[in-house]
Amino acid sequence: MLQLAEDREVVHRQSFSFQSVAGQLIITGQLIIAGQNAAKLL
């Protein structure tokens, strides 16, 4: 029973780190798009 709880904790930690990486990629993508749009305006 204890092993199951530990496995769930590991999975939760991995999914959390994946979410933060995905969030950083989305933010980076938005910055790149914003930069491209700004370059078109110049």
PDB file of N, CA and C in Angstrom:
ATOM      1  N   MET A   1       0.838  -1.203   0.000  1.00  0.00           N
ATOM      2  CA  MET A   1       0.000   0.000   0.000  1.00  0.00           C
ATOM      3  C   MET A   1       0.873   1.253   0.000  1.00  0.00           C
ATOM      4  N   LEU A   2       1.928   1.206   0.808  1.00  0.00           N
ATOM      5  CA  LEU A   2       2.835   2.351   0.884  1.00  0.00           C
ATOM      6  C   LEU A   2       3.529   2.565  -0.462  1.00  0.00           C
ATOM      7  N   GLN A   3       3.867   1.457  -1.134  1.00  0.00           N
ATOM      8  CA  GLN A   3       4.540   1.547  -2.430  1.00  0.00           C
ATOM      9  C   GLN A   3       3.659   2.283  -3.450  1.00  0.00           C
ATOM     10  N   LEU A   4       2.364   2.003  -3.406  1.00  0.00           N
ATOM     11  CA  LEU A   4       1.439   2.645  -4.343  1.00  0.00           C
ATOM     12  C   LEU A   4       1.428   4.159  -4.135  1.00  0.00           C
ATOM     13  N   ALA A   5       1.422   4.569  -2.865  1.00  0.00           N
ATOM     14  CA  ALA A   5       1.424   5.998  -2.561  1.00  0.00           C
ATOM     15  C   ALA A   5       2.714   6.652  -3.055  1.00  0.00           C
ATOM     16  N   GLU A   6       3.827   5.961  -2.912  1.00  0.00           N
ATOM     17  CA  GLU A   6       5.110   6.510  -3.378  1.00  0.00           C
ATOM     18  C   GLU A   6       5.110   6.636  -4.902  1.00  0.00           C
ATOM     19  N   ASP A   7       4.578   5.632  -5.590  1.00  0.00           N
ATOM     20  CA  ASP A   7       4.513   5.689  -7.052  1.00  0.00           C
ATOM     21  C   ASP A   7       3.658   6.879  -7.495  1.00  0.00           C
ATOM     22  N   ARG A   8       2.564   7.087  -6.813  1.00  0.00           N
ATOM     23  CA  ARG A   8       1.666   8.188  -7.183  1.00  0.00           C
ATOM     24  C   ARG A   8       2.377   9.525  -6.990  1.00  0.00           C
ATOM     25  N   GLU A   9       3.171   9.630  -5.941  1.00  0.00           N
ATOM     26  CA  GLU A   9       3.914  10.865  -5.681  1.00  0.00           C
ATOM     27  C   GLU A   9       4.926  11.128  -6.794  1.00  0.00           C
ATOM     28  N   VAL A  10       5.606  10.083  -7.241  1.00  0.00           N
ATOM     29  CA  VAL A  10       6.589  10.232  -8.318  1.00  0.00           C
ATOM     30  C   VAL A  10       5.896  10.672  -9.610  1.00  0.00           C
ATOM     31  N   VAL A  11       4.773  10.037  -9.920  1.00  0.00           N
ATOM     32  CA  VAL A  11       4.032  10.398 -11.136  1.00  0.00           C
ATOM     33  C   VAL A  11       3.574  11.849 -11.052  1.00  0.00           C
ATOM     34  N   HIS A  12       3.103  12.248  -9.865  1.00  0.00           N
ATOM     35  CA  HIS A  12       2.625  13.623  -9.692  1.00  0.00           C
ATOM     36  C   HIS A  12       3.768  14.607  -9.918  1.00  0.00           C
ATOM     37  N   ARG A  13       4.942  14.283  -9.394  1.00  0.00           N
ATOM     38  CA  ARG A  13       6.094  15.170  -9.547  1.00  0.00           C
ATOM     39  C   ARG A  13       6.500  15.266 -11.017  1.00  0.00           C
ATOM     40  N   GLN A  14       6.500  14.140 -11.712  1.00  0.00           N
ATOM     41  CA  GLN A  14       6.891  14.144 -13.130  1.00  0.00           C
ATOM     42  C   GLN A  14       5.904  14.949 -13.962  1.00  0.00           C
ATOM     43  N   SER A  15       4.600  14.789 -13.697  1.00  0.00           N
ATOM     44  CA  SER A  15       3.609  15.519 -14.474  1.00  0.00           C
ATOM     45  C   SER A  15       3.704  17.015 -14.174  1.00  0.00           C
ATOM     46  N   PHE A  16       4.036  17.359 -12.926  1.00  0.00           N
ATOM     47  CA  PHE A  16       4.165  18.774 -12.581  1.00  0.00           C
ATOM     48  C   PHE A  16       5.332  19.396 -13.334  1.00  0.00           C
ATOM     49  N   SER A  17       6.475  18.695 -13.388  1.00  0.00           N
ATOM     50  CA  SER A  17       7.628  19.244 -14.092  1.00  0.00           C
ATOM     51  C   SER A  17       7.334  19.335 -15.586  1.00  0.00           C
ATOM     52  N   PHE A  18       6.556  18.368 -16.108  1.00  0.00           N
ATOM     53  CA  PHE A  18       6.179  18.418 -17.518  1.00  0.00           C
ATOM     54  C   PHE A  18       5.300  19.631 -17.787  1.00  0.00           C
ATOM     55  N   GLN A  19       4.367  19.916 -16.866  1.00  0.00           N
ATOM     56  CA  GLN A  19       3.486  21.069 -17.038  1.00  0.00           C
ATOM     57  C   GLN A  19       4.283  22.368 -17.034  1.00  0.00           C
ATOM     58  N   SER A  20       5.280  22.471 -16.156  1.00  0.00           N
ATOM     59  CA  SER A  20       6.057  23.705 -16.090  1.00  0.00           C
ATOM     60  C   SER A  20       6.904  23.880 -17.348  1.00  0.00           C
ATOM     61  N   VAL A  21       7.443  22.780 -17.869  1.00  0.00           N
ATOM     62  CA  VAL A  21       8.208  22.856 -19.121  1.00  0.00           C
ATOM     63  C   VAL A  21       7.286  23.248 -20.271  1.00  0.00           C
ATOM     64  N   ALA A  22       6.109  22.656 -20.324  1.00  0.00           N
ATOM     65  CA  ALA A  22       5.151  22.993 -21.379  1.00  0.00           C
ATOM     66  C   ALA A  22       4.759  24.463 -21.277  1.00  0.00           C
ATOM     67  N   GLY A  23       4.573  24.945 -20.052  1.00  0.00           N
ATOM     68  CA  GLY A  23       4.228  26.348 -19.864  1.00  0.00           C
ATOM     69  C   GLY A  23       5.335  27.269 -20.355  1.00  0.00           C
ATOM     70  N   GLN A  24       6.571  26.906 -20.095  1.00  0.00           N
ATOM     71  CA  GLN A  24       7.705  27.719 -20.557  1.00  0.00           C
ATOM     72  C   GLN A  24       7.776  27.716 -22.081  1.00  0.00           C
ATOM     73  N   LEU A  25       7.487  26.568 -22.706  1.00  0.00           N
ATOM     74  CA  LEU A  25       7.522  26.504 -24.163  1.00  0.00           C
ATOM     75  C   LEU A  25       6.425  27.372 -24.765  1.00  0.00           C
ATOM     76  N   ILE A  26       5.246  27.364 -24.133  1.00  0.00           N
ATOM     77  CA  ILE A  26       4.135  28.188 -24.635  1.00  0.00           C
ATOM     78  C   ILE A  26       4.499  29.662 -24.532  1.00  0.00           C
ATOM     79  N   ILE A  27       5.068  30.055 -23.379  1.00  0.00           N
ATOM     80  CA  ILE A  27       5.457  31.460 -23.190  1.00  0.00           C
ATOM     81  C   ILE A  27       6.522  31.850 -24.214  1.00  0.00           C
ATOM     82  N   THR A  28       7.497  30.973 -24.415  1.00  0.00           N
ATOM     83  CA  THR A  28       8.555  31.254 -25.391  1.00  0.00           C
ATOM     84  C   THR A  28       7.967  31.397 -26.789  1.00  0.00           C
ATOM     85  N   GLY A  29       7.047  30.506 -27.133  1.00  0.00           N
ATOM     86  CA  GLY A  29       6.402  30.571 -28.445  1.00  0.00           C
ATOM     87  C   GLY A  29       5.644  31.879 -28.633  1.00  0.00           C
ATOM     88  N   GLN A  30       4.950  32.313 -27.578  1.00  0.00           N
ATOM     89  CA  GLN A  30       4.200  33.563 -27.665  1.00  0.00           C
ATOM     90  C   GLN A  30       5.143  34.744 -27.834  1.00  0.00           C
ATOM     91  N   LEU A  31       6.295  34.698 -27.151  1.00  0.00           N
ATOM     92  CA  LEU A  31       7.271  35.787 -27.289  1.00  0.00           C
ATOM     93  C   LEU A  31       7.834  35.831 -28.710  1.00  0.00           C
ATOM     94  N   ILE A  32       8.096  34.639 -29.277  1.00  0.00           N
ATOM     95  CA  ILE A  32       8.623  34.588 -30.647  1.00  0.00           C
ATOM     96  C   ILE A  32       7.602  35.155 -31.621  1.00  0.00           C
ATOM     97  N   ILE A  33       6.326  34.756 -31.446  1.00  0.00           N
ATOM     98  CA  ILE A  33       5.271  35.263 -32.335  1.00  0.00           C
ATOM     99  C   ILE A  33       5.134  36.775 -32.183  1.00  0.00           C
ATOM    100  N   ALA A  34       5.183  37.256 -30.937  1.00  0.00           N
ATOM    101  CA  ALA A  34       5.074  38.699 -30.697  1.00  0.00           C
ATOM    102  C   ALA A  34       6.247  39.423 -31.349  1.00  0.00           C
ATOM    103  N   GLY A  35       7.441  38.835 -31.274  1.00  0.00           N
ATOM    104  CA  GLY A  35       8.615  39.440 -31.893  1.00  0.00           C
ATOM    105  C   GLY A  35       8.490  39.495 -33.406  1.00  0.00           C
ATOM    106  N   GLN A  36       7.943  38.433 -33.995  1.00  0.00           N
ATOM    107  CA  GLN A  36       7.761  38.410 -35.446  1.00  0.00           C
ATOM    108  C   GLN A  36       6.739  39.460 -35.872  1.00  0.00           C
ATOM    109  N   ASN A  37       5.656  39.576 -35.098  1.00  0.00           N
ATOM    110  CA  ASN A  37       4.640  40.586 -35.423  1.00  0.00           C
ATOM    111  C   ASN A  37       5.214  41.985 -35.301  1.00  0.00           C
ATOM    112  N   ALA A  38       6.047  42.220 -34.284  1.00  0.00           N
ATOM    113  CA  ALA A  38       6.665  43.533 -34.100  1.00  0.00           C
ATOM    114  C   ALA A  38       7.609  43.819 -35.269  1.00  0.00           C
ATOM    115  N   ALA A  39       8.324  42.800 -35.733  1.00  0.00           N
ATOM    116  CA  ALA A  39       9.258  42.990 -36.845  1.00  0.00           C
ATOM    117  C   ALA A  39       8.494  43.369 -38.112  1.00  0.00           C
ATOM    118  N   LYS A  40       7.303  42.818 -38.296  1.00  0.00           N
ATOM    119  CA  LYS A  40       6.511  43.162 -39.481  1.00  0.00           C
ATOM    120  C   LYS A  40       6.076  44.623 -39.443  1.00  0.00           C
ATOM    121  N   LEU A  41       5.831  45.131 -38.223  1.00  0.00           N
ATOM    122  CA  LEU A  41       5.353  46.510 -38.094  1.00  0.00           C
ATOM    123  C   LEU A  41       6.460  47.510 -38.371  1.00  0.00           C
ATOM    124  N   LEU A  42       7.706  47.099 -38.136  1.00  0.00           N
ATOM    125  CA  LEU A  42       8.820  48.044 -38.297  1.00  0.00           C
ATOM    126  C   LEU A  42       9.092  48.350 -39.761  1.00  0.00           C
TER     127      LEU A  42
END
